[in-house]
């Protein structure tokens, strides 16, 4: 299923999320928010 495939790819490449978030956000809460926003956009763009 697309959701399972997406989750597997997301887990495999999760470091990308944190590298980007750490470069653009200084505070931990903002980093978490940014990571979630990136995931939402990835999910929307998957098709």
ModelCIF file with pLDDT and N, C-alpha, C, O atoms, coordinates in Angstrom:
data_MODEL
#
_entry.id   MODEL 
#
_entity.id                         1 
_entity.type                       polymer 
_entity.pdbx_number_of_molecules   1 
#
_entity_poly.entity_id                      1 
_entity_poly.type                           'polypeptide(L)' 
_entity_poly.nstd_linkage                   no 
_entity_poly.nstd_monomer                   no 
_entity_poly.pdbx_seq_one_letter_code       
;(UNK)(UNK)(UNK)(UNK)(UNK)(UNK)(UNK)(UNK)(UNK)(UNK)(UNK)(UNK)(UNK)(UNK)(UNK)(UNK)
(UNK)(UNK)(UNK)(UNK)(UNK)(UNK)(UNK)(UNK)(UNK)(UNK)(UNK)(UNK)(UNK)(UNK)(UNK)(UNK)
(UNK)(UNK)(UNK)(UNK)(UNK)(UNK)(UNK)(UNK)(UNK)(UNK)(UNK)(UNK)(UNK)(UNK)(UNK)
;
_entity_poly.pdbx_seq_one_letter_code_can   XXXXXXXXXXXXXXXXXXXXXXXXXXXXXXXXXXXXXXXXXXXXXXX 
_entity_poly.pdbx_strand_id                 A 
#
loop_
_entity_poly_seq.entity_id 
_entity_poly_seq.num 
_entity_poly_seq.mon_id 
_entity_poly_seq.hetero 
1 1  UNK n 
1 2  UNK n 
1 3  UNK n 
1 4  UNK n 
1 5  UNK n 
1 6  UNK n 
1 7  UNK n 
1 8  UNK n 
1 9  UNK n 
1 10 UNK n 
1 11 UNK n 
1 12 UNK n 
1 13 UNK n 
1 14 UNK n 
1 15 UNK n 
1 16 UNK n 
1 17 UNK n 
1 18 UNK n 
1 19 UNK n 
1 20 UNK n 
1 21 UNK n 
1 22 UNK n 
1 23 UNK n 
1 24 UNK n 
1 25 UNK n 
1 26 UNK n 
1 27 UNK n 
1 28 UNK n 
1 29 UNK n 
1 30 UNK n 
1 31 UNK n 
1 32 UNK n 
1 33 UNK n 
1 34 UNK n 
1 35 UNK n 
1 36 UNK n 
1 37 UNK n 
1 38 UNK n 
1 39 UNK n 
1 40 UNK n 
1 41 UNK n 
1 42 UNK n 
1 43 UNK n 
1 44 UNK n 
1 45 UNK n 
1 46 UNK n 
1 47 UNK n 
#
_struct_asym.id          A 
_struct_asym.entity_id   1 
#
loop_
_ma_qa_metric.id 
_ma_qa_metric.mode 
_ma_qa_metric.name 
_ma_qa_metric.software_group_id 
_ma_qa_metric.type 
1 global pLDDT . pLDDT 
2 local  pLDDT . pLDDT 
#
_ma_qa_metric_global.metric_id      1 
_ma_qa_metric_global.metric_value   88.47 
_ma_qa_metric_global.model_id       1 
_ma_qa_metric_global.ordinal_id     1 
#
loop_
_ma_qa_metric_local.label_asym_id 
_ma_qa_metric_local.label_comp_id 
_ma_qa_metric_local.label_seq_id 
_ma_qa_metric_local.metric_id 
_ma_qa_metric_local.metric_value 
_ma_qa_metric_local.model_id 
_ma_qa_metric_local.ordinal_id 
A UNK 1  2 77.00 1 1  
A UNK 2  2 78.00 1 2  
A UNK 3  2 86.00 1 3  
A UNK 4  2 86.00 1 4  
A UNK 5  2 87.00 1 5  
A UNK 6  2 88.00 1 6  
A UNK 7  2 90.00 1 7  
A UNK 8  2 91.00 1 8  
A UNK 9  2 90.00 1 9  
A UNK 10 2 91.00 1 10 
A UNK 11 2 90.00 1 11 
A UNK 12 2 92.00 1 12 
A UNK 13 2 91.00 1 13 
A UNK 14 2 90.00 1 14 
A UNK 15 2 91.00 1 15 
A UNK 16 2 90.00 1 16 
A UNK 17 2 91.00 1 17 
A UNK 18 2 88.00 1 18 
A UNK 19 2 88.00 1 19 
A UNK 20 2 89.00 1 20 
A UNK 21 2 88.00 1 21 
A UNK 22 2 85.00 1 22 
A UNK 23 2 84.00 1 23 
A UNK 24 2 83.00 1 24 
A UNK 25 2 82.00 1 25 
A UNK 26 2 77.00 1 26 
A UNK 27 2 81.00 1 27 
A UNK 28 2 85.00 1 28 
A UNK 29 2 87.00 1 29 
A UNK 30 2 86.00 1 30 
A UNK 31 2 87.00 1 31 
A UNK 32 2 90.00 1 32 
A UNK 33 2 89.00 1 33 
A UNK 34 2 90.00 1 34 
A UNK 35 2 92.00 1 35 
A UNK 36 2 92.00 1 36 
A UNK 37 2 92.00 1 37 
A UNK 38 2 94.00 1 38 
A UNK 39 2 94.00 1 39 
A UNK 40 2 93.00 1 40 
A UNK 41 2 94.00 1 41 
A UNK 42 2 94.00 1 42 
A UNK 43 2 92.00 1 43 
A UNK 44 2 92.00 1 44 
A UNK 45 2 92.00 1 45 
A UNK 46 2 90.00 1 46 
A UNK 47 2 89.00 1 47 
#
loop_
_atom_site.group_PDB 
_atom_site.id 
_atom_site.type_symbol 
_atom_site.label_atom_id 
_atom_site.label_alt_id 
_atom_site.label_comp_id 
_atom_site.label_asym_id 
_atom_site.label_entity_id 
_atom_site.label_seq_id 
_atom_site.pdbx_PDB_ins_code 
_atom_site.Cartn_x 
_atom_site.Cartn_y 
_atom_site.Cartn_z 
_atom_site.occupancy 
_atom_site.B_iso_or_equiv 
_atom_site.pdbx_formal_charge 
_atom_site.auth_seq_id 
_atom_site.auth_comp_id 
_atom_site.auth_asym_id 
_atom_site.auth_atom_id 
_atom_site.pdbx_PDB_model_num 
ATOM 1   N N  . UNK A 1 1  ? 0.844  -1.206 0.000  1.00 77.00 ? 1  UNK A N  1 
ATOM 2   C CA . UNK A 1 1  ? 0.000  0.000  0.000  1.00 77.00 ? 1  UNK A CA 1 
ATOM 3   C C  . UNK A 1 1  ? 0.877  1.253  0.000  1.00 77.00 ? 1  UNK A C  1 
ATOM 4   O O  . UNK A 1 1  ? 1.964  1.250  0.578  1.00 77.00 ? 1  UNK A O  1 
ATOM 5   N N  . UNK A 1 2  ? 0.409  2.319  -0.644 1.00 78.00 ? 2  UNK A N  1 
ATOM 6   C CA . UNK A 1 2  ? 1.210  3.542  -0.729 1.00 78.00 ? 2  UNK A CA 1 
ATOM 7   C C  . UNK A 1 2  ? 1.673  4.063  0.639  1.00 78.00 ? 2  UNK A C  1 
ATOM 8   O O  . UNK A 1 2  ? 2.794  4.552  0.771  1.00 78.00 ? 2  UNK A O  1 
ATOM 9   N N  . UNK A 1 3  ? 0.823  3.958  1.636  1.00 86.00 ? 3  UNK A N  1 
ATOM 10  C CA . UNK A 1 3  ? 1.195  4.456  2.967  1.00 86.00 ? 3  UNK A CA 1 
ATOM 11  C C  . UNK A 1 3  ? 2.374  3.655  3.530  1.00 86.00 ? 3  UNK A C  1 
ATOM 12  O O  . UNK A 1 3  ? 3.308  4.237  4.080  1.00 86.00 ? 3  UNK A O  1 
ATOM 13  N N  . UNK A 1 4  ? 2.336  2.332  3.396  1.00 86.00 ? 4  UNK A N  1 
ATOM 14  C CA . UNK A 1 4  ? 3.431  1.494  3.897  1.00 86.00 ? 4  UNK A CA 1 
ATOM 15  C C  . UNK A 1 4  ? 4.727  1.763  3.143  1.00 86.00 ? 4  UNK A C  1 
ATOM 16  O O  . UNK A 1 4  ? 5.799  1.833  3.743  1.00 86.00 ? 4  UNK A O  1 
ATOM 17  N N  . UNK A 1 5  ? 4.626  1.911  1.842  1.00 87.00 ? 5  UNK A N  1 
ATOM 18  C CA . UNK A 1 5  ? 5.800  2.219  1.027  1.00 87.00 ? 5  UNK A CA 1 
ATOM 19  C C  . UNK A 1 5  ? 6.385  3.568  1.434  1.00 87.00 ? 5  UNK A C  1 
ATOM 20  O O  . UNK A 1 5  ? 7.598  3.710  1.582  1.00 87.00 ? 5  UNK A O  1 
ATOM 21  N N  . UNK A 1 6  ? 5.513  4.548  1.612  1.00 88.00 ? 6  UNK A N  1 
ATOM 22  C CA . UNK A 1 6  ? 5.947  5.886  2.027  1.00 88.00 ? 6  UNK A CA 1 
ATOM 23  C C  . UNK A 1 6  ? 6.648  5.831  3.374  1.00 88.00 ? 6  UNK A C  1 
ATOM 24  O O  . UNK A 1 6  ? 7.709  6.431  3.547  1.00 88.00 ? 6  UNK A O  1 
ATOM 25  N N  . UNK A 1 7  ? 6.064  5.119  4.329  1.00 90.00 ? 7  UNK A N  1 
ATOM 26  C CA . UNK A 1 7  ? 6.664  5.016  5.660  1.00 90.00 ? 7  UNK A CA 1 
ATOM 27  C C  . UNK A 1 7  ? 8.031  4.336  5.610  1.00 90.00 ? 7  UNK A C  1 
ATOM 28  O O  . UNK A 1 7  ? 8.949  4.731  6.329  1.00 90.00 ? 7  UNK A O  1 
ATOM 29  N N  . UNK A 1 8  ? 8.166  3.333  4.774  1.00 91.00 ? 8  UNK A N  1 
ATOM 30  C CA . UNK A 1 8  ? 9.453  2.646  4.650  1.00 91.00 ? 8  UNK A CA 1 
ATOM 31  C C  . UNK A 1 8  ? 10.507 3.580  4.053  1.00 91.00 ? 8  UNK A C  1 
ATOM 32  O O  . UNK A 1 8  ? 11.636 3.638  4.541  1.00 91.00 ? 8  UNK A O  1 
ATOM 33  N N  . UNK A 1 9  ? 10.144 4.301  3.008  1.00 90.00 ? 9  UNK A N  1 
ATOM 34  C CA . UNK A 1 9  ? 11.075 5.248  2.393  1.00 90.00 ? 9  UNK A CA 1 
ATOM 35  C C  . UNK A 1 9  ? 11.413 6.386  3.355  1.00 90.00 ? 9  UNK A C  1 
ATOM 36  O O  . UNK A 1 9  ? 12.561 6.823  3.437  1.00 90.00 ? 9  UNK A O  1 
ATOM 37  N N  . UNK A 1 10 ? 10.421 6.849  4.066  1.00 91.00 ? 10 UNK A N  1 
ATOM 38  C CA . UNK A 1 10 ? 10.624 7.925  5.038  1.00 91.00 ? 10 UNK A CA 1 
ATOM 39  C C  . UNK A 1 10 ? 11.585 7.473  6.137  1.00 91.00 ? 10 UNK A C  1 
ATOM 40  O O  . UNK A 1 10 ? 12.477 8.221  6.537  1.00 91.00 ? 10 UNK A O  1 
ATOM 41  N N  . UNK A 1 11 ? 11.403 6.272  6.611  1.00 90.00 ? 11 UNK A N  1 
ATOM 42  C CA . UNK A 1 11 ? 12.286 5.751  7.657  1.00 90.00 ? 11 UNK A CA 1 
ATOM 43  C C  . UNK A 1 11 ? 13.707 5.569  7.131  1.00 90.00 ? 11 UNK A C  1 
ATOM 44  O O  . UNK A 1 11 ? 14.677 5.865  7.829  1.00 90.00 ? 11 UNK A O  1 
ATOM 45  N N  . UNK A 1 12 ? 13.822 5.085  5.908  1.00 92.00 ? 12 UNK A N  1 
ATOM 46  C CA . UNK A 1 12 ? 15.130 4.857  5.314  1.00 92.00 ? 12 UNK A CA 1 
ATOM 47  C C  . UNK A 1 12 ? 15.918 6.161  5.124  1.00 92.00 ? 12 UNK A C  1 
ATOM 48  O O  . UNK A 1 12 ? 17.144 6.170  5.231  1.00 92.00 ? 12 UNK A O  1 
ATOM 49  N N  . UNK A 1 13 ? 15.212 7.251  4.843  1.00 91.00 ? 13 UNK A N  1 
ATOM 50  C CA . UNK A 1 13 ? 15.857 8.529  4.549  1.00 91.00 ? 13 UNK A CA 1 
ATOM 51  C C  . UNK A 1 13 ? 15.579 9.591  5.613  1.00 91.00 ? 13 UNK A C  1 
ATOM 52  O O  . UNK A 1 13 ? 15.681 10.785 5.329  1.00 91.00 ? 13 UNK A O  1 
ATOM 53  N N  . UNK A 1 14 ? 15.238 9.184  6.803  1.00 90.00 ? 14 UNK A N  1 
ATOM 54  C CA . UNK A 1 14 ? 14.831 10.120 7.859  1.00 90.00 ? 14 UNK A CA 1 
ATOM 55  C C  . UNK A 1 14 ? 15.914 11.120 8.227  1.00 90.00 ? 14 UNK A C  1 
ATOM 56  O O  . UNK A 1 14 ? 15.597 12.224 8.669  1.00 90.00 ? 14 UNK A O  1 
ATOM 57  N N  . UNK A 1 15 ? 17.169 10.771 8.059  1.00 91.00 ? 15 UNK A N  1 
ATOM 58  C CA . UNK A 1 15 ? 18.256 11.702 8.417  1.00 91.00 ? 15 UNK A CA 1 
ATOM 59  C C  . UNK A 1 15 ? 18.187 12.989 7.607  1.00 91.00 ? 15 UNK A C  1 
ATOM 60  O O  . UNK A 1 15 ? 18.574 14.054 8.088  1.00 91.00 ? 15 UNK A O  1 
ATOM 61  N N  . UNK A 1 16 ? 17.698 12.890 6.389  1.00 90.00 ? 16 UNK A N  1 
ATOM 62  C CA . UNK A 1 16 ? 17.548 14.082 5.557  1.00 90.00 ? 16 UNK A CA 1 
ATOM 63  C C  . UNK A 1 16 ? 16.658 15.097 6.264  1.00 90.00 ? 16 UNK A C  1 
ATOM 64  O O  . UNK A 1 16 ? 16.953 16.292 6.281  1.00 90.00 ? 16 UNK A O  1 
ATOM 65  N N  . UNK A 1 17 ? 15.566 14.608 6.849  1.00 91.00 ? 17 UNK A N  1 
ATOM 66  C CA . UNK A 1 17 ? 14.636 15.502 7.543  1.00 91.00 ? 17 UNK A CA 1 
ATOM 67  C C  . UNK A 1 17 ? 15.331 16.285 8.643  1.00 91.00 ? 17 UNK A C  1 
ATOM 68  O O  . UNK A 1 17 ? 15.143 17.494 8.776  1.00 91.00 ? 17 UNK A O  1 
ATOM 69  N N  . UNK A 1 18 ? 16.134 15.587 9.426  1.00 88.00 ? 18 UNK A N  1 
ATOM 70  C CA . UNK A 1 18 ? 16.765 16.229 10.578 1.00 88.00 ? 18 UNK A CA 1 
ATOM 71  C C  . UNK A 1 18 ? 17.933 17.121 10.168 1.00 88.00 ? 18 UNK A C  1 
ATOM 72  O O  . UNK A 1 18 ? 18.194 18.132 10.819 1.00 88.00 ? 18 UNK A O  1 
ATOM 73  N N  . UNK A 1 19 ? 18.632 16.763 9.107  1.00 88.00 ? 19 UNK A N  1 
ATOM 74  C CA . UNK A 1 19 ? 19.707 17.629 8.619  1.00 88.00 ? 19 UNK A CA 1 
ATOM 75  C C  . UNK A 1 19 ? 19.132 18.970 8.175  1.00 88.00 ? 19 UNK A C  1 
ATOM 76  O O  . UNK A 1 19 ? 19.660 20.029 8.515  1.00 88.00 ? 19 UNK A O  1 
ATOM 77  N N  . UNK A 1 20 ? 18.070 18.910 7.429  1.00 89.00 ? 20 UNK A N  1 
ATOM 78  C CA . UNK A 1 20 ? 17.446 20.136 6.933  1.00 89.00 ? 20 UNK A CA 1 
ATOM 79  C C  . UNK A 1 20 ? 16.868 20.938 8.099  1.00 89.00 ? 20 UNK A C  1 
ATOM 80  O O  . UNK A 1 20 ? 17.089 22.146 8.191  1.00 89.00 ? 20 UNK A O  1 
ATOM 81  N N  . UNK A 1 21 ? 16.139 20.280 8.977  1.00 88.00 ? 21 UNK A N  1 
ATOM 82  C CA . UNK A 1 21 ? 15.523 20.985 10.106 1.00 88.00 ? 21 UNK A CA 1 
ATOM 83  C C  . UNK A 1 21 ? 16.568 21.618 11.015 1.00 88.00 ? 21 UNK A C  1 
ATOM 84  O O  . UNK A 1 21 ? 16.383 22.741 11.483 1.00 88.00 ? 21 UNK A O  1 
ATOM 85  N N  . UNK A 1 22 ? 17.662 20.911 11.269 1.00 85.00 ? 22 UNK A N  1 
ATOM 86  C CA . UNK A 1 22 ? 18.714 21.469 12.122 1.00 85.00 ? 22 UNK A CA 1 
ATOM 87  C C  . UNK A 1 22 ? 19.393 22.672 11.485 1.00 85.00 ? 22 UNK A C  1 
ATOM 88  O O  . UNK A 1 22 ? 19.869 23.563 12.187 1.00 85.00 ? 22 UNK A O  1 
ATOM 89  N N  . UNK A 1 23 ? 19.437 22.699 10.179 1.00 84.00 ? 23 UNK A N  1 
ATOM 90  C CA . UNK A 1 23 ? 20.077 23.827 9.496  1.00 84.00 ? 23 UNK A CA 1 
ATOM 91  C C  . UNK A 1 23 ? 19.196 25.077 9.490  1.00 84.00 ? 23 UNK A C  1 
ATOM 92  O O  . UNK A 1 23 ? 19.705 26.196 9.416  1.00 84.00 ? 23 UNK A O  1 
ATOM 93  N N  . UNK A 1 24 ? 17.887 24.889 9.566  1.00 83.00 ? 24 UNK A N  1 
ATOM 94  C CA . UNK A 1 24 ? 16.985 26.030 9.442  1.00 83.00 ? 24 UNK A CA 1 
ATOM 95  C C  . UNK A 1 24 ? 16.296 26.446 10.733 1.00 83.00 ? 24 UNK A C  1 
ATOM 96  O O  . UNK A 1 24 ? 15.660 27.499 10.773 1.00 83.00 ? 24 UNK A O  1 
ATOM 97  N N  . UNK A 1 25 ? 16.405 25.658 11.774 1.00 82.00 ? 25 UNK A N  1 
ATOM 98  C CA . UNK A 1 25 ? 15.732 25.992 13.038 1.00 82.00 ? 25 UNK A CA 1 
ATOM 99  C C  . UNK A 1 25 ? 16.693 25.840 14.199 1.00 82.00 ? 25 UNK A C  1 
ATOM 100 O O  . UNK A 1 25 ? 17.420 24.851 14.293 1.00 82.00 ? 25 UNK A O  1 
ATOM 101 N N  . UNK A 1 26 ? 16.692 26.811 15.070 1.00 77.00 ? 26 UNK A N  1 
ATOM 102 C CA . UNK A 1 26 ? 17.580 26.759 16.234 1.00 77.00 ? 26 UNK A CA 1 
ATOM 103 C C  . UNK A 1 26 ? 16.916 26.066 17.419 1.00 77.00 ? 26 UNK A C  1 
ATOM 104 O O  . UNK A 1 26 ? 17.595 25.396 18.198 1.00 77.00 ? 26 UNK A O  1 
ATOM 105 N N  . UNK A 1 27 ? 15.636 26.211 17.563 1.00 81.00 ? 27 UNK A N  1 
ATOM 106 C CA . UNK A 1 27 ? 14.993 25.645 18.750 1.00 81.00 ? 27 UNK A CA 1 
ATOM 107 C C  . UNK A 1 27 ? 14.326 24.301 18.414 1.00 81.00 ? 27 UNK A C  1 
ATOM 108 O O  . UNK A 1 27 ? 13.803 24.103 17.318 1.00 81.00 ? 27 UNK A O  1 
ATOM 109 N N  . UNK A 1 28 ? 14.362 23.405 19.378 1.00 85.00 ? 28 UNK A N  1 
ATOM 110 C CA . UNK A 1 28 ? 13.912 22.016 19.179 1.00 85.00 ? 28 UNK A CA 1 
ATOM 111 C C  . UNK A 1 28 ? 12.449 21.938 18.756 1.00 85.00 ? 28 UNK A C  1 
ATOM 112 O O  . UNK A 1 28 ? 12.094 21.117 17.910 1.00 85.00 ? 28 UNK A O  1 
ATOM 113 N N  . UNK A 1 29 ? 11.612 22.766 19.324 1.00 87.00 ? 29 UNK A N  1 
ATOM 114 C CA . UNK A 1 29 ? 10.189 22.726 18.974 1.00 87.00 ? 29 UNK A CA 1 
ATOM 115 C C  . UNK A 1 29 ? 9.971  23.140 17.524 1.00 87.00 ? 29 UNK A C  1 
ATOM 116 O O  . UNK A 1 29 ? 9.168  22.530 16.818 1.00 87.00 ? 29 UNK A O  1 
ATOM 117 N N  . UNK A 1 30 ? 10.679 24.171 17.075 1.00 86.00 ? 30 UNK A N  1 
ATOM 118 C CA . UNK A 1 30 ? 10.573 24.584 15.679 1.00 86.00 ? 30 UNK A CA 1 
ATOM 119 C C  . UNK A 1 30 ? 11.089 23.492 14.749 1.00 86.00 ? 30 UNK A C  1 
ATOM 120 O O  . UNK A 1 30 ? 10.524 23.272 13.678 1.00 86.00 ? 30 UNK A O  1 
ATOM 121 N N  . UNK A 1 31 ? 12.161 22.804 15.153 1.00 87.00 ? 31 UNK A N  1 
ATOM 122 C CA . UNK A 1 31 ? 12.683 21.701 14.332 1.00 87.00 ? 31 UNK A CA 1 
ATOM 123 C C  . UNK A 1 31 ? 11.635 20.608 14.189 1.00 87.00 ? 31 UNK A C  1 
ATOM 124 O O  . UNK A 1 31 ? 11.414 20.087 13.095 1.00 87.00 ? 31 UNK A O  1 
ATOM 125 N N  . UNK A 1 32 ? 10.991 20.262 15.302 1.00 90.00 ? 32 UNK A N  1 
ATOM 126 C CA . UNK A 1 32 ? 9.938  19.227 15.228 1.00 90.00 ? 32 UNK A CA 1 
ATOM 127 C C  . UNK A 1 32 ? 8.804  19.677 14.316 1.00 90.00 ? 32 UNK A C  1 
ATOM 128 O O  . UNK A 1 32 ? 8.298  18.891 13.515 1.00 90.00 ? 32 UNK A O  1 
ATOM 129 N N  . UNK A 1 33 ? 8.403  20.946 14.438 1.00 89.00 ? 33 UNK A N  1 
ATOM 130 C CA . UNK A 1 33 ? 7.337  21.470 13.575 1.00 89.00 ? 33 UNK A CA 1 
ATOM 131 C C  . UNK A 1 33 ? 7.744  21.421 12.109 1.00 89.00 ? 33 UNK A C  1 
ATOM 132 O O  . UNK A 1 33 ? 6.950  21.045 11.248 1.00 89.00 ? 33 UNK A O  1 
ATOM 133 N N  . UNK A 1 34 ? 8.988  21.804 11.832 1.00 90.00 ? 34 UNK A N  1 
ATOM 134 C CA . UNK A 1 34 ? 9.461  21.800 10.452 1.00 90.00 ? 34 UNK A CA 1 
ATOM 135 C C  . UNK A 1 34 ? 9.505  20.377 9.904  1.00 90.00 ? 34 UNK A C  1 
ATOM 136 O O  . UNK A 1 34 ? 9.092  20.141 8.769  1.00 90.00 ? 34 UNK A O  1 
ATOM 137 N N  . UNK A 1 35 ? 9.991  19.442 10.682 1.00 92.00 ? 35 UNK A N  1 
ATOM 138 C CA . UNK A 1 35 ? 10.035 18.047 10.234 1.00 92.00 ? 35 UNK A CA 1 
ATOM 139 C C  . UNK A 1 35 ? 8.624  17.562 9.901  1.00 92.00 ? 35 UNK A C  1 
ATOM 140 O O  . UNK A 1 35 ? 8.414  16.912 8.877  1.00 92.00 ? 35 UNK A O  1 
ATOM 141 N N  . UNK A 1 36 ? 7.675  17.873 10.750 1.00 92.00 ? 36 UNK A N  1 
ATOM 142 C CA . UNK A 1 36 ? 6.294  17.461 10.469 1.00 92.00 ? 36 UNK A CA 1 
ATOM 143 C C  . UNK A 1 36 ? 5.759  18.123 9.207  1.00 92.00 ? 36 UNK A C  1 
ATOM 144 O O  . UNK A 1 36 ? 5.071  17.480 8.414  1.00 92.00 ? 36 UNK A O  1 
ATOM 145 N N  . UNK A 1 37 ? 6.064  19.386 9.018  1.00 92.00 ? 37 UNK A N  1 
ATOM 146 C CA . UNK A 1 37 ? 5.604  20.085 7.811  1.00 92.00 ? 37 UNK A CA 1 
ATOM 147 C C  . UNK A 1 37 ? 6.232  19.463 6.566  1.00 92.00 ? 37 UNK A C  1 
ATOM 148 O O  . UNK A 1 37 ? 5.563  19.315 5.543  1.00 92.00 ? 37 UNK A O  1 
ATOM 149 N N  . UNK A 1 38 ? 7.495  19.102 6.645  1.00 94.00 ? 38 UNK A N  1 
ATOM 150 C CA . UNK A 1 38 ? 8.157  18.449 5.504  1.00 94.00 ? 38 UNK A CA 1 
ATOM 151 C C  . UNK A 1 38 ? 7.470  17.119 5.201  1.00 94.00 ? 38 UNK A C  1 
ATOM 152 O O  . UNK A 1 38 ? 7.207  16.803 4.041  1.00 94.00 ? 38 UNK A O  1 
ATOM 153 N N  . UNK A 1 39 ? 7.180  16.346 6.240  1.00 94.00 ? 39 UNK A N  1 
ATOM 154 C CA . UNK A 1 39 ? 6.522  15.048 6.039  1.00 94.00 ? 39 UNK A CA 1 
ATOM 155 C C  . UNK A 1 39 ? 5.145  15.231 5.398  1.00 94.00 ? 39 UNK A C  1 
ATOM 156 O O  . UNK A 1 39 ? 4.768  14.473 4.505  1.00 94.00 ? 39 UNK A O  1 
ATOM 157 N N  . UNK A 1 40 ? 4.405  16.226 5.851  1.00 93.00 ? 40 UNK A N  1 
ATOM 158 C CA . UNK A 1 40 ? 3.085  16.490 5.268  1.00 93.00 ? 40 UNK A CA 1 
ATOM 159 C C  . UNK A 1 40 ? 3.237  16.804 3.778  1.00 93.00 ? 40 UNK A C  1 
ATOM 160 O O  . UNK A 1 40 ? 2.481  16.291 2.953  1.00 93.00 ? 40 UNK A O  1 
ATOM 161 N N  . UNK A 1 41 ? 4.212  17.644 3.438  1.00 94.00 ? 41 UNK A N  1 
ATOM 162 C CA . UNK A 1 41 ? 4.413  18.000 2.032  1.00 94.00 ? 41 UNK A CA 1 
ATOM 163 C C  . UNK A 1 41 ? 4.884  16.803 1.209  1.00 94.00 ? 41 UNK A C  1 
ATOM 164 O O  . UNK A 1 41 ? 4.490  16.646 0.053  1.00 94.00 ? 41 UNK A O  1 
ATOM 165 N N  . UNK A 1 42 ? 5.719  15.970 1.799  1.00 94.00 ? 42 UNK A N  1 
ATOM 166 C CA . UNK A 1 42 ? 6.146  14.760 1.105  1.00 94.00 ? 42 UNK A CA 1 
ATOM 167 C C  . UNK A 1 42 ? 4.951  13.850 0.822  1.00 94.00 ? 42 UNK A C  1 
ATOM 168 O O  . UNK A 1 42 ? 4.813  13.310 -0.276 1.00 94.00 ? 42 UNK A O  1 
ATOM 169 N N  . UNK A 1 43 ? 4.102  13.690 1.816  1.00 92.00 ? 43 UNK A N  1 
ATOM 170 C CA . UNK A 1 43 ? 2.917  12.832 1.674  1.00 92.00 ? 43 UNK A CA 1 
ATOM 171 C C  . UNK A 1 43 ? 1.989  13.382 0.592  1.00 92.00 ? 43 UNK A C  1 
ATOM 172 O O  . UNK A 1 43 ? 1.480  12.634 -0.243 1.00 92.00 ? 43 UNK A O  1 
ATOM 173 N N  . UNK A 1 44 ? 1.775  14.706 0.618  1.00 92.00 ? 44 UNK A N  1 
ATOM 174 C CA . UNK A 1 44 ? 0.920  15.336 -0.398 1.00 92.00 ? 44 UNK A CA 1 
ATOM 175 C C  . UNK A 1 44 ? 1.500  15.165 -1.800 1.00 92.00 ? 44 UNK A C  1 
ATOM 176 O O  . UNK A 1 44 ? 0.764  14.991 -2.770 1.00 92.00 ? 44 UNK A O  1 
ATOM 177 N N  . UNK A 1 45 ? 2.818  15.217 -1.892 1.00 92.00 ? 45 UNK A N  1 
ATOM 178 C CA . UNK A 1 45 ? 3.491  15.178 -3.194 1.00 92.00 ? 45 UNK A CA 1 
ATOM 179 C C  . UNK A 1 45 ? 3.765  13.768 -3.691 1.00 92.00 ? 45 UNK A C  1 
ATOM 180 O O  . UNK A 1 45 ? 4.140  13.591 -4.850 1.00 92.00 ? 45 UNK A O  1 
ATOM 181 N N  . UNK A 1 46 ? 3.589  12.772 -2.855 1.00 90.00 ? 46 UNK A N  1 
ATOM 182 C CA . UNK A 1 46 ? 3.924  11.394 -3.233 1.00 90.00 ? 46 UNK A CA 1 
ATOM 183 C C  . UNK A 1 46 ? 3.290  10.948 -4.552 1.00 90.00 ? 46 UNK A C  1 
ATOM 184 O O  . UNK A 1 46 ? 3.955  10.272 -5.337 1.00 90.00 ? 46 UNK A O  1 
ATOM 185 N N  . UNK A 1 47 ? 2.031  11.299 -4.826 1.00 89.00 ? 47 UNK A N  1 
ATOM 186 C CA . UNK A 1 47 ? 1.460  10.864 -6.111 1.00 89.00 ? 47 UNK A CA 1 
ATOM 187 C C  . UNK A 1 47 ? 2.210  11.423 -7.326 1.00 89.00 ? 47 UNK A C  1 
ATOM 188 O O  . UNK A 1 47 ? 1.838  11.139 -8.465 1.00 89.00 ? 47 UNK A O  1 
#
